Amino acid sequence: MLTKPDPPSPDPLGESPRVIGHYVGEESGPLVVAIGGIHGNEPAGVRALEQLFELLQEEPLVNPGFSFRGELLALRGNLEALRTGRRYVDVDLNRIWKPFVKGIDDSYPTAEARELDGMLAAIENALEDSSAQELVLIDLHTTTADGGVFAVTGDDGPSLSLAAELGVPVIKGMLSGLQGTTLSYFRSGAYDFEQPCRAITFESGAHTDEESVARALAATVNLLRSVGCVREEDVSTHHEETLRRAVTKVPTLLELVYVHRIDPADRAAFRMKPGYKNFHSIQAGEILASDSNGPIAAPCSGYILMPLYQDQGEEGFFIVQEYEGGTAY
């Protein structure tokens, strides 16, 4: 019943193509697009999606009553960065989701522009051949810090409601704080697809935590259940338990209140103070990091999110607070 198989080889890419798999059910339903490895040092999502397709191949054999509504398209994101294990090659792929123009010789401005074009082409090809009336996106990530799993989504009610069904804290307001992300692209209507779209980013834990793979798998399976691709009775409670064990005791709905952006000229000097984890409670004035200008203090109280403990990245840390605006979805 869609339980976790033995883990595959630790190499998440090898010589495989961008498409991990395209599973088409016998009944109509949404097209779910799942992406892992937008950042090359975050292979957990890729491994989770590879495991999911193993499950989908095995499930009809062990569960003759299994049925699938709609389609699941699973993609590897930054193929070149995945090969090297770095966040990106030229630029952050999760900051450039917007229309771009190729060079006069049909060249790409960056390695990541080529990767973006490949992903969009795969999604467009799937949509052209699909009868789906809705597009649902889940973008799987991990962080450099330990502690806490969470979902990020747009501030629209349908996406927030879907994110809440994953059973992990949900962060709203991120689209206004970050530009050029996968979520901002699909929520902005910048693409040519006519189908309505719900989009979620799921952060499954630290890069180096083996449980991050299991959490990414659990979140994707739970999303397939929530959008009606698979039936409740065909989903193992193992997935709910995997996410429940990982949830930090913080409010279920939070909002972004501050982003510390790193000046590119000061990137080499930025140092996050060691020991912070996702959802670590902080106080206004607390020294969180330093750069060439000296100590960096928290401008407000709240919970720190995604403190930067790696040599690539444009944001040093985020601060979120409990959402006080009432029901958001």
C-alpha atoms as a PDB file:
ATOM      1  CA  MET A   1       0.000   0.000   0.000  1.00  0.00           C
ATOM      2  CA  LEU A   2       2.484   2.593  -1.255  1.00  0.00           C
ATOM      3  CA  THR A   3       4.997   1.860   1.474  1.00  0.00           C
ATOM      4  CA  LYS A   4       8.673   2.713   1.283  1.00  0.00           C
ATOM      5  CA  PRO A   5      10.890   0.298  -0.736  1.00  0.00           C
ATOM      6  CA  ASP A   6      14.559  -0.344  -0.167  1.00  0.00           C
ATOM      7  CA  PRO A   7      16.630   2.768  -1.025  1.00  0.00           C
ATOM      8  CA  PRO A   8      18.214   2.894  -4.499  1.00  0.00           C
ATOM      9  CA  SER A   9      21.849   3.604  -5.290  1.00  0.00           C
ATOM     10  CA  PRO A  10      23.095   6.787  -3.574  1.00  0.00           C
ATOM     11  CA  ASP A  11      23.880   8.271  -6.998  1.00  0.00           C
ATOM     12  CA  PRO A  12      20.664  10.214  -7.766  1.00  0.00           C
ATOM     13  CA  LEU A  13      21.455  10.931 -11.381  1.00  0.00           C
ATOM     14  CA  GLY A  14      23.998   8.765 -13.164  1.00  0.00           C
ATOM     15  CA  GLU A  15      23.295   8.950 -16.874  1.00  0.00           C
ATOM     16  CA  SER A  16      19.503   9.061 -16.561  1.00  0.00           C
ATOM     17  CA  PRO A  17      17.484  11.630 -18.526  1.00  0.00           C
ATOM     18  CA  ARG A  18      15.581  14.550 -17.044  1.00  0.00           C
ATOM     19  CA  VAL A  19      12.285  12.682 -16.824  1.00  0.00           C
ATOM     20  CA  ILE A  20      12.232  10.289 -13.876  1.00  0.00           C
ATOM     21  CA  GLY A  21       8.876   8.982 -14.990  1.00  0.00           C
ATOM     22  CA  HIS A  22       5.485   9.846 -16.461  1.00  0.00           C
ATOM     23  CA  TYR A  23       2.693   7.780 -14.929  1.00  0.00           C
ATOM     24  CA  VAL A  24      -0.697   8.006 -16.632  1.00  0.00           C
ATOM     25  CA  GLY A  25      -3.727   6.608 -14.835  1.00  0.00           C
ATOM     26  CA  GLU A  26      -6.719   4.945 -16.399  1.00  0.00           C
ATOM     27  CA  GLU A  27      -9.069   7.629 -15.064  1.00  0.00           C
ATOM     28  CA  SER A  28      -8.972  11.370 -15.713  1.00  0.00           C
ATOM     29  CA  GLY A  29      -7.653  13.699 -13.043  1.00  0.00           C
ATOM     30  CA  PRO A  30      -5.027  16.382 -12.468  1.00  0.00           C
ATOM     31  CA  LEU A  31      -1.527  16.483 -13.900  1.00  0.00           C
ATOM     32  CA  VAL A  32       0.848  16.489 -10.936  1.00  0.00           C
ATOM     33  CA  VAL A  33       4.354  17.716 -11.742  1.00  0.00           C
ATOM     34  CA  ALA A  34       6.963  16.797  -9.116  1.00  0.00           C
ATOM     35  CA  ILE A  35      10.473  18.250  -9.358  1.00  0.00           C
ATOM     36  CA  GLY A  36      13.543  17.197  -7.386  1.00  0.00           C
ATOM     37  CA  GLY A  37      17.052  18.594  -7.578  1.00  0.00           C
ATOM     38  CA  ILE A  38      16.363  22.192  -8.567  1.00  0.00           C
ATOM     39  CA  HIS A  39      19.531  22.680  -6.532  1.00  0.00           C
ATOM     40  CA  GLY A  40      22.302  20.216  -7.286  1.00  0.00           C
ATOM     41  CA  ASN A  41      23.290  19.702  -3.642  1.00  0.00           C
ATOM     42  CA  GLU A  42      19.738  18.644  -2.774  1.00  0.00           C
ATOM     43  CA  PRO A  43      19.364  15.127  -4.246  1.00  0.00           C
ATOM     44  CA  ALA A  44      16.841  13.875  -1.647  1.00  0.00           C
ATOM     45  CA  GLY A  45      13.860  14.895  -3.784  1.00  0.00           C
ATOM     46  CA  VAL A  46      15.260  13.049  -6.805  1.00  0.00           C
ATOM     47  CA  ARG A  47      15.784   9.889  -4.778  1.00  0.00           C
ATOM     48  CA  ALA A  48      12.280  10.152  -3.318  1.00  0.00           C
ATOM     49  CA  LEU A  49      10.699  10.428  -6.772  1.00  0.00           C
ATOM     50  CA  GLU A  50      12.735   7.473  -8.041  1.00  0.00           C
ATOM     51  CA  GLN A  51      11.411   5.446  -5.115  1.00  0.00           C
ATOM     52  CA  LEU A  52       7.866   6.620  -5.813  1.00  0.00           C
ATOM     53  CA  PHE A  53       7.987   5.281  -9.365  1.00  0.00           C
ATOM     54  CA  GLU A  54       9.233   1.956  -8.030  1.00  0.00           C
ATOM     55  CA  LEU A  55       6.182   1.917  -5.763  1.00  0.00           C
ATOM     56  CA  LEU A  56       3.814   2.753  -8.617  1.00  0.00           C
ATOM     57  CA  GLN A  57       5.233  -0.112 -10.679  1.00  0.00           C
ATOM     58  CA  GLU A  58       4.853  -2.574  -7.797  1.00  0.00           C
ATOM     59  CA  GLU A  59       1.513  -1.447  -6.391  1.00  0.00           C
ATOM     60  CA  PRO A  60      -0.826  -3.072  -8.965  1.00  0.00           C
ATOM     61  CA  LEU A  61       0.994  -6.368  -8.417  1.00  0.00           C
ATOM     62  CA  VAL A  62       0.440  -6.418  -4.652  1.00  0.00           C
ATOM     63  CA  ASN A  63      -2.842  -4.513  -4.640  1.00  0.00           C
ATOM     64  CA  PRO A  64      -5.060  -5.589  -7.582  1.00  0.00           C
ATOM     65  CA  GLY A  65      -7.670  -2.966  -6.690  1.00  0.00           C
ATOM     66  CA  PHE A  66      -5.229  -0.083  -7.062  1.00  0.00           C
ATOM     67  CA  SER A  67      -6.250   2.717  -9.433  1.00  0.00           C
ATOM     68  CA  PHE A  68      -4.698   6.045 -10.339  1.00  0.00           C
ATOM     69  CA  ARG A  69      -6.555   9.166 -11.477  1.00  0.00           C
ATOM     70  CA  GLY A  70      -4.738  11.664 -13.644  1.00  0.00           C
ATOM     71  CA  GLU A  71      -1.006  11.820 -14.331  1.00  0.00           C
ATOM     72  CA  LEU A  72       2.263  12.173 -12.454  1.00  0.00           C
ATOM     73  CA  LEU A  73       5.272  13.699 -14.217  1.00  0.00           C
ATOM     74  CA  ALA A  74       8.491  13.576 -12.170  1.00  0.00           C
ATOM     75  CA  LEU A  75      11.522  15.594 -13.254  1.00  0.00           C
ATOM     76  CA  ARG A  76      15.132  16.112 -12.263  1.00  0.00           C
ATOM     77  CA  GLY A  77      15.854  19.831 -12.086  1.00  0.00           C
ATOM     78  CA  ASN A  78      19.435  21.008 -12.470  1.00  0.00           C
ATOM     79  CA  LEU A  79      21.093  18.030 -14.162  1.00  0.00           C
ATOM     80  CA  GLU A  80      24.541  19.598 -14.463  1.00  0.00           C
ATOM     81  CA  ALA A  81      24.602  20.775 -10.838  1.00  0.00           C
ATOM     82  CA  LEU A  82      23.365  17.368  -9.644  1.00  0.00           C
ATOM     83  CA  ARG A  83      26.374  15.787 -11.333  1.00  0.00           C
ATOM     84  CA  THR A  84      28.767  18.021  -9.403  1.00  0.00           C
ATOM     85  CA  GLY A  85      26.822  18.212  -6.147  1.00  0.00           C
ATOM     86  CA  ARG A  86      26.792  22.002  -6.109  1.00  0.00           C
ATOM     87  CA  ARG A  87      23.769  24.254  -5.600  1.00  0.00           C
ATOM     88  CA  TYR A  88      24.159  25.699  -9.096  1.00  0.00           C
ATOM     89  CA  VAL A  89      26.632  26.131 -11.950  1.00  0.00           C
ATOM     90  CA  ASP A  90      26.245  29.778 -13.008  1.00  0.00           C
ATOM     91  CA  VAL A  91      23.166  31.154 -11.235  1.00  0.00           C
ATOM     92  CA  ASP A  92      20.554  29.893  -8.789  1.00  0.00           C
ATOM     93  CA  LEU A  93      17.989  27.988 -10.857  1.00  0.00           C
ATOM     94  CA  ASN A  94      15.302  28.757  -8.277  1.00  0.00           C
ATOM     95  CA  ARG A  95      15.708  32.509  -8.848  1.00  0.00           C
ATOM     96  CA  ILE A  96      15.466  32.704 -12.661  1.00  0.00           C
ATOM     97  CA  TRP A  97      11.998  31.325 -13.468  1.00  0.00           C
ATOM     98  CA  LYS A  98      10.902  33.940 -15.993  1.00  0.00           C
ATOM     99  CA  PRO A  99      10.863  34.234 -19.776  1.00  0.00           C
ATOM    100  CA  PHE A 100      14.321  34.644 -21.289  1.00  0.00           C
ATOM    101  CA  VAL A 101      15.694  35.204 -24.792  1.00  0.00           C
ATOM    102  CA  LYS A 102      18.318  32.922 -26.329  1.00  0.00           C
ATOM    103  CA  GLY A 103      21.369  34.363 -28.053  1.00  0.00           C
ATOM    104  CA  ILE A 104      21.462  34.990 -31.799  1.00  0.00           C
ATOM    105  CA  ASP A 105      23.236  31.652 -32.207  1.00  0.00           C
ATOM    106  CA  ASP A 106      20.446  29.924 -30.249  1.00  0.00           C
ATOM    107  CA  SER A 107      22.694  29.719 -27.180  1.00  0.00           C
ATOM    108  CA  TYR A 108      21.648  30.013 -23.554  1.00  0.00           C
ATOM    109  CA  PRO A 109      22.865  32.854 -21.310  1.00  0.00           C
ATOM    110  CA  THR A 110      23.659  30.422 -18.459  1.00  0.00           C
ATOM    111  CA  ALA A 111      23.765  26.704 -17.751  1.00  0.00           C
ATOM    112  CA  GLU A 112      20.661  27.144 -15.588  1.00  0.00           C
ATOM    113  CA  ALA A 113      18.737  28.800 -18.436  1.00  0.00           C
ATOM    114  CA  ARG A 114      19.302  25.599 -20.418  1.00  0.00           C
ATOM    115  CA  GLU A 115      18.019  23.529 -17.481  1.00  0.00           C
ATOM    116  CA  LEU A 116      14.957  25.742 -17.108  1.00  0.00           C
ATOM    117  CA  ASP A 117      14.174  25.424 -20.802  1.00  0.00           C
ATOM    118  CA  GLY A 118      14.428  21.630 -20.537  1.00  0.00           C
ATOM    119  CA  MET A 119      12.020  21.473 -17.604  1.00  0.00           C
ATOM    120  CA  LEU A 120       9.481  23.773 -19.201  1.00  0.00           C
ATOM    121  CA  ALA A 121       9.636  21.764 -22.434  1.00  0.00           C
ATOM    122  CA  ALA A 122       8.951  18.531 -20.532  1.00  0.00           C
ATOM    123  CA  ILE A 123       5.975  20.090 -18.726  1.00  0.00           C
ATOM    124  CA  GLU A 124       4.588  21.631 -21.909  1.00  0.00           C
ATOM    125  CA  ASN A 125       4.890  18.295 -23.745  1.00  0.00           C
ATOM    126  CA  ALA A 126       2.987  16.544 -20.963  1.00  0.00           C
ATOM    127  CA  LEU A 127       0.249  19.174 -20.997  1.00  0.00           C
ATOM    128  CA  GLU A 128      -0.150  19.007 -24.770  1.00  0.00           C
ATOM    129  CA  ASP A 129      -0.973  15.317 -24.574  1.00  0.00           C
ATOM    130  CA  SER A 130      -2.992  15.552 -21.362  1.00  0.00           C
ATOM    131  CA  SER A 131      -6.717  15.913 -20.752  1.00  0.00           C
ATOM    132  CA  ALA A 132      -6.049  17.181 -17.210  1.00  0.00           C
ATOM    133  CA  GLN A 133      -8.133  20.121 -16.097  1.00  0.00           C
ATOM    134  CA  GLU A 134      -5.682  21.170 -13.394  1.00  0.00           C
ATOM    135  CA  LEU A 135      -1.906  21.413 -12.962  1.00  0.00           C
ATOM    136  CA  VAL A 136      -0.515  20.673  -9.494  1.00  0.00           C
ATOM    137  CA  LEU A 137       3.178  21.337  -8.819  1.00  0.00           C
ATOM    138  CA  ILE A 138       5.306  20.077  -5.924  1.00  0.00           C
ATOM    139  CA  ASP A 139       8.930  21.234  -5.792  1.00  0.00           C
ATOM    140  CA  LEU A 140      11.065  19.164  -3.387  1.00  0.00           C
ATOM    141  CA  HIS A 141      13.938  20.778  -1.494  1.00  0.00           C
ATOM    142  CA  THR A 142      16.237  20.384   1.510  1.00  0.00           C
ATOM    143  CA  THR A 143      18.170  22.949   3.568  1.00  0.00           C
ATOM    144  CA  THR A 144      21.657  23.371   5.013  1.00  0.00           C
ATOM    145  CA  ALA A 145      20.225  23.484   8.556  1.00  0.00           C
ATOM    146  CA  ASP A 146      18.756  20.716  10.677  1.00  0.00           C
ATOM    147  CA  GLY A 147      15.344  20.789  12.299  1.00  0.00           C
ATOM    148  CA  GLY A 148      11.836  21.161  11.015  1.00  0.00           C
ATOM    149  CA  VAL A 149      10.094  20.306   7.779  1.00  0.00           C
ATOM    150  CA  PHE A 150       7.676  22.741   6.201  1.00  0.00           C
ATOM    151  CA  ALA A 151       5.750  23.715   3.083  1.00  0.00           C
ATOM    152  CA  VAL A 152       5.912  26.994   1.177  1.00  0.00           C
ATOM    153  CA  THR A 153       3.160  28.105  -1.152  1.00  0.00           C
ATOM    154  CA  GLY A 154       1.443  31.068  -2.720  1.00  0.00           C
ATOM    155  CA  ASP A 155      -1.060  33.097  -0.750  1.00  0.00           C
ATOM    156  CA  ASP A 156      -4.010  31.869  -2.800  1.00  0.00           C
ATOM    157  CA  GLY A 157      -6.581  29.861  -0.869  1.00  0.00           C
ATOM    158  CA  PRO A 158      -6.454  26.664  -2.974  1.00  0.00           C
ATOM    159  CA  SER A 159      -2.668  26.303  -2.679  1.00  0.00           C
ATOM    160  CA  LEU A 160      -2.659  27.130   1.040  1.00  0.00           C
ATOM    161  CA  SER A 161      -5.409  24.605   1.677  1.00  0.00           C
ATOM    162  CA  LEU A 162      -3.547  21.899  -0.230  1.00  0.00           C
ATOM    163  CA  ALA A 163      -0.305  22.645   1.629  1.00  0.00           C
ATOM    164  CA  ALA A 164      -2.126  22.395   4.962  1.00  0.00           C
ATOM    165  CA  GLU A 165      -3.211  18.844   4.111  1.00  0.00           C
ATOM    166  CA  LEU A 166       0.430  17.723   4.184  1.00  0.00           C
ATOM    167  CA  GLY A 167       0.350  18.046   7.967  1.00  0.00           C
ATOM    168  CA  VAL A 168       3.459  20.255   8.311  1.00  0.00           C
ATOM    169  CA  PRO A 169       3.859  23.987   9.070  1.00  0.00           C
ATOM    170  CA  VAL A 170       2.977  26.193   6.104  1.00  0.00           C
ATOM    171  CA  ILE A 171       4.817  29.432   5.278  1.00  0.00           C
ATOM    172  CA  LYS A 172       2.936  32.165   3.411  1.00  0.00           C
ATOM    173  CA  GLY A 173       4.290  35.400   1.988  1.00  0.00           C
ATOM    174  CA  MET A 174       7.404  33.845   0.475  1.00  0.00           C
ATOM    175  CA  LEU A 175       6.472  34.811  -3.078  1.00  0.00           C
ATOM    176  CA  SER A 176       6.679  38.495  -2.201  1.00  0.00           C
ATOM    177  CA  GLY A 177      10.036  37.943  -0.503  1.00  0.00           C
ATOM    178  CA  LEU A 178      11.659  35.893  -3.260  1.00  0.00           C
ATOM    179  CA  GLN A 179      11.574  36.550  -6.991  1.00  0.00           C
ATOM    180  CA  GLY A 180      12.108  34.109  -9.851  1.00  0.00           C
ATOM    181  CA  THR A 181      11.203  30.948  -7.924  1.00  0.00           C
ATOM    182  CA  THR A 182       9.373  27.927  -9.290  1.00  0.00           C
ATOM    183  CA  LEU A 183       6.326  28.864  -7.225  1.00  0.00           C
ATOM    184  CA  SER A 184       6.272  32.486  -8.365  1.00  0.00           C
ATOM    185  CA  TYR A 185       6.420  31.384 -11.995  1.00  0.00           C
ATOM    186  CA  PHE A 186       3.496  28.992 -11.799  1.00  0.00           C
ATOM    187  CA  ARG A 187       1.401  31.237  -9.567  1.00  0.00           C
ATOM    188  CA  SER A 188       1.996  34.402 -11.627  1.00  0.00           C
ATOM    189  CA  GLY A 189       0.454  33.131 -14.863  1.00  0.00           C
ATOM    190  CA  ALA A 190       3.711  33.811 -16.715  1.00  0.00           C
ATOM    191  CA  TYR A 191       3.361  30.495 -18.543  1.00  0.00           C
ATOM    192  CA  ASP A 192       1.073  29.760 -21.504  1.00  0.00           C
ATOM    193  CA  PHE A 193      -0.887  26.912 -19.913  1.00  0.00           C
ATOM    194  CA  GLU A 194      -4.632  27.361 -19.707  1.00  0.00           C
ATOM    195  CA  GLN A 195      -5.196  25.012 -16.784  1.00  0.00           C
ATOM    196  CA  PRO A 196      -5.633  26.364 -13.244  1.00  0.00           C
ATOM    197  CA  CYS A 197      -2.620  25.666 -11.059  1.00  0.00           C
ATOM    198  CA  ARG A 198      -1.845  24.934  -7.426  1.00  0.00           C
ATOM    199  CA  ALA A 199       1.817  24.928  -6.425  1.00  0.00           C
ATOM    200  CA  ILE A 200       3.769  23.909  -3.312  1.00  0.00           C
ATOM    201  CA  THR A 201       7.408  23.763  -2.295  1.00  0.00           C
ATOM    202  CA  PHE A 202       8.199  21.119   0.319  1.00  0.00           C
ATOM    203  CA  GLU A 203      11.332  21.321   2.467  1.00  0.00           C
ATOM    204  CA  SER A 204      12.047  17.836   3.818  1.00  0.00           C
ATOM    205  CA  GLY A 205      14.995  18.508   6.148  1.00  0.00           C
ATOM    206  CA  ALA A 206      18.756  18.813   5.985  1.00  0.00           C
ATOM    207  CA  HIS A 207      20.756  17.953   2.850  1.00  0.00           C
ATOM    208  CA  THR A 208      22.696  15.267   4.707  1.00  0.00           C
ATOM    209  CA  ASP A 209      19.811  13.688   6.631  1.00  0.00           C
ATOM    210  CA  GLU A 210      18.827  10.315   5.137  1.00  0.00           C
ATOM    211  CA  GLU A 211      15.305  10.817   6.535  1.00  0.00           C
ATOM    212  CA  SER A 212      14.888  13.761   4.162  1.00  0.00           C
ATOM    213  CA  VAL A 213      14.308  11.244   1.358  1.00  0.00           C
ATOM    214  CA  ALA A 214      11.568   9.463   3.299  1.00  0.00           C
ATOM    215  CA  ARG A 215       9.897  12.776   4.153  1.00  0.00           C
ATOM    216  CA  ALA A 216       9.949  13.963   0.540  1.00  0.00           C
ATOM    217  CA  LEU A 217       8.413  10.652  -0.521  1.00  0.00           C
ATOM    218  CA  ALA A 218       5.766  10.896   2.211  1.00  0.00           C
ATOM    219  CA  ALA A 219       4.831  14.456   1.227  1.00  0.00           C
ATOM    220  CA  THR A 220       4.477  13.560  -2.452  1.00  0.00           C
ATOM    221  CA  VAL A 221       2.343  10.496  -1.711  1.00  0.00           C
ATOM    222  CA  ASN A 222       0.143  12.530   0.637  1.00  0.00           C
ATOM    223  CA  LEU A 223      -0.262  15.199  -2.026  1.00  0.00           C
ATOM    224  CA  LEU A 224      -1.321  12.561  -4.578  1.00  0.00           C
ATOM    225  CA  ARG A 225      -3.943  11.427  -2.096  1.00  0.00           C
ATOM    226  CA  SER A 226      -5.110  14.994  -1.371  1.00  0.00           C
ATOM    227  CA  VAL A 227      -5.685  15.838  -5.048  1.00  0.00           C
ATOM    228  CA  GLY A 228      -7.490  12.537  -5.670  1.00  0.00           C
ATOM    229  CA  CYS A 229      -4.856  10.721  -7.740  1.00  0.00           C
ATOM    230  CA  VAL A 230      -4.831   7.803  -5.308  1.00  0.00           C
ATOM    231  CA  ARG A 231      -7.444   6.619  -2.832  1.00  0.00           C
ATOM    232  CA  GLU A 232      -7.161   7.027   0.922  1.00  0.00           C
ATOM    233  CA  GLU A 233      -7.157   3.269   1.443  1.00  0.00           C
ATOM    234  CA  ASP A 234      -4.192   2.836  -0.902  1.00  0.00           C
ATOM    235  CA  VAL A 235      -1.903   5.123   1.126  1.00  0.00           C
ATOM    236  CA  SER A 236       0.021   3.610   4.022  1.00  0.00           C
ATOM    237  CA  THR A 237      -0.186   5.370   7.388  1.00  0.00           C
ATOM    238  CA  HIS A 238       3.608   5.059   7.374  1.00  0.00           C
ATOM    239  CA  HIS A 239       3.784   8.302   5.402  1.00  0.00           C
ATOM    240  CA  GLU A 240       1.666  10.256   7.893  1.00  0.00           C
ATOM    241  CA  GLU A 241       3.826   8.940  10.726  1.00  0.00           C
ATOM    242  CA  THR A 242       7.040   9.910   8.903  1.00  0.00           C
ATOM    243  CA  LEU A 243       5.919  13.526   8.639  1.00  0.00           C
ATOM    244  CA  ARG A 244       4.388  13.630  12.123  1.00  0.00           C
ATOM    245  CA  ARG A 245       7.699  12.598  13.699  1.00  0.00           C
ATOM    246  CA  ALA A 246       9.499  15.423  11.904  1.00  0.00           C
ATOM    247  CA  VAL A 247       7.111  18.284  12.687  1.00  0.00           C
ATOM    248  CA  THR A 248       8.520  20.968  14.999  1.00  0.00           C
ATOM    249  CA  LYS A 249       6.275  22.481  17.669  1.00  0.00           C
ATOM    250  CA  VAL A 250       5.596  25.784  15.953  1.00  0.00           C
ATOM    251  CA  PRO A 251       2.372  27.404  14.674  1.00  0.00           C
ATOM    252  CA  THR A 252       0.808  25.560  11.754  1.00  0.00           C
ATOM    253  CA  LEU A 253       0.605  28.726   9.635  1.00  0.00           C
ATOM    254  CA  LEU A 254       3.388  31.311   9.558  1.00  0.00           C
ATOM    255  CA  GLU A 255       4.286  34.256   7.361  1.00  0.00           C
ATOM    256  CA  LEU A 256       7.566  35.641   6.098  1.00  0.00           C
ATOM    257  CA  VAL A 257       8.482  38.946   7.736  1.00  0.00           C
ATOM    258  CA  TYR A 258      12.164  39.393   6.829  1.00  0.00           C
ATOM    259  CA  VAL A 259      14.741  38.192   4.287  1.00  0.00           C
ATOM    260  CA  HIS A 260      18.431  38.906   4.809  1.00  0.00           C
ATOM    261  CA  ARG A 261      19.838  39.323   1.318  1.00  0.00           C
ATOM    262  CA  ILE A 262      23.578  39.054   0.842  1.00  0.00           C
ATOM    263  CA  ASP A 263      25.348  41.708  -1.202  1.00  0.00           C
ATOM    264  CA  PRO A 264      27.188  39.771  -3.961  1.00  0.00           C
ATOM    265  CA  ALA A 265      30.307  41.802  -3.249  1.00  0.00           C
ATOM    266  CA  ASP A 266      30.136  40.723   0.396  1.00  0.00           C
ATOM    267  CA  ARG A 267      29.296  37.055  -0.188  1.00  0.00           C
ATOM    268  CA  ALA A 268      32.715  35.690   0.777  1.00  0.00           C
ATOM    269  CA  ALA A 269      32.605  37.554   4.091  1.00  0.00           C
ATOM    270  CA  PHE A 270      29.146  36.409   5.183  1.00  0.00           C
ATOM    271  CA  ARG A 271      29.195  33.952   8.091  1.00  0.00           C
ATOM    272  CA  MET A 272      26.120  32.552   9.767  1.00  0.00           C
ATOM    273  CA  LYS A 273      26.563  32.066  13.492  1.00  0.00           C
ATOM    274  CA  PRO A 274      26.769  28.284  14.054  1.00  0.00           C
ATOM    275  CA  GLY A 275      24.089  26.225  15.775  1.00  0.00           C
ATOM    276  CA  TYR A 276      20.871  27.605  14.310  1.00  0.00           C
ATOM    277  CA  LYS A 277      18.212  25.200  13.083  1.00  0.00           C
ATOM    278  CA  ASN A 278      15.007  25.751  11.156  1.00  0.00           C
ATOM    279  CA  PHE A 279      12.352  27.251  13.470  1.00  0.00           C
ATOM    280  CA  HIS A 280      14.933  28.202  16.111  1.00  0.00           C
ATOM    281  CA  SER A 281      13.212  30.922  18.179  1.00  0.00           C
ATOM    282  CA  ILE A 282      15.103  34.246  18.023  1.00  0.00           C
ATOM    283  CA  GLN A 283      14.732  37.660  19.644  1.00  0.00           C
ATOM    284  CA  ALA A 284      15.042  41.132  18.130  1.00  0.00           C
ATOM    285  CA  GLY A 285      18.637  42.305  18.422  1.00  0.00           C
ATOM    286  CA  GLU A 286      20.110  38.805  18.644  1.00  0.00           C
ATOM    287  CA  ILE A 287      23.356  38.495  16.672  1.00  0.00           C
ATOM    288  CA  LEU A 288      22.721  35.924  13.940  1.00  0.00           C
ATOM    289  CA  ALA A 289      25.598  36.378  11.508  1.00  0.00           C
ATOM    290  CA  SER A 290      28.391  38.681  10.407  1.00  0.00           C
ATOM    291  CA  ASP A 291      29.880  40.134   7.235  1.00  0.00           C
ATOM    292  CA  SER A 292      32.512  42.685   6.298  1.00  0.00           C
ATOM    293  CA  ASN A 293      30.453  45.405   7.984  1.00  0.00           C
ATOM    294  CA  GLY A 294      30.363  43.573  11.304  1.00  0.00           C
ATOM    295  CA  PRO A 295      27.700  41.694  13.302  1.00  0.00           C
ATOM    296  CA  ILE A 296      24.220  41.196  11.819  1.00  0.00           C
ATOM    297  CA  ALA A 297      21.384  41.429  14.345  1.00  0.00           C
ATOM    298  CA  ALA A 298      17.858  40.117  14.002  1.00  0.00           C
ATOM    299  CA  PRO A 299      15.576  43.084  13.126  1.00  0.00           C
ATOM    300  CA  CYS A 300      12.629  41.400  14.847  1.00  0.00           C
ATOM    301  CA  SER A 301      11.666  38.397  16.927  1.00  0.00           C
ATOM    302  CA  GLY A 302      10.297  35.218  15.413  1.00  0.00           C
ATOM    303  CA  TYR A 303      11.588  31.930  14.054  1.00  0.00           C
ATOM    304  CA  ILE A 304      14.695  31.676  11.898  1.00  0.00           C
ATOM    305  CA  LEU A 305      14.340  29.717   8.679  1.00  0.00           C
ATOM    306  CA  MET A 306      16.930  28.385   6.231  1.00  0.00           C
ATOM    307  CA  PRO A 307      20.103  29.828   7.834  1.00  0.00           C
ATOM    308  CA  LEU A 308      22.845  29.632   5.225  1.00  0.00           C
ATOM    309  CA  TYR A 309      25.624  27.164   6.016  1.00  0.00           C
ATOM    310  CA  GLN A 310      27.046  26.698   2.503  1.00  0.00           C
ATOM    311  CA  ASP A 311      29.184  28.693   0.092  1.00  0.00           C
ATOM    312  CA  GLN A 312      26.462  29.331  -2.495  1.00  0.00           C
ATOM    313  CA  GLY A 313      23.247  31.223  -1.888  1.00  0.00           C
ATOM    314  CA  GLU A 314      21.781  34.716  -2.163  1.00  0.00           C
ATOM    315  CA  GLU A 315      19.940  34.872   1.171  1.00  0.00           C
ATOM    316  CA  GLY A 316      21.589  34.509   4.584  1.00  0.00           C
ATOM    317  CA  PHE A 317      18.455  33.698   6.558  1.00  0.00           C
ATOM    318  CA  PHE A 318      14.714  34.255   6.761  1.00  0.00           C
ATOM    319  CA  ILE A 319      12.537  35.218   9.732  1.00  0.00           C
ATOM    320  CA  VAL A 320       8.939  34.032  10.005  1.00  0.00           C
ATOM    321  CA  GLN A 321       6.233  34.721  12.581  1.00  0.00           C
ATOM    322  CA  GLU A 322       2.887  33.181  13.395  1.00  0.00           C
ATOM    323  CA  TYR A 323       0.256  34.391  10.955  1.00  0.00           C
ATOM    324  CA  GLU A 324      -2.114  36.704  12.815  1.00  0.00           C
ATOM    325  CA  GLY A 325      -4.476  37.460   9.956  1.00  0.00           C
ATOM    326  CA  GLY A 326      -7.086  34.861  10.811  1.00  0.00           C
ATOM    327  CA  THR A 327      -7.999  32.015   8.486  1.00  0.00           C
ATOM    328  CA  ALA A 328      -5.943  32.202   5.332  1.00  0.00           C
ATOM    329  CA  TYR A 329      -7.744  29.528   3.299  1.00  0.00           C
END
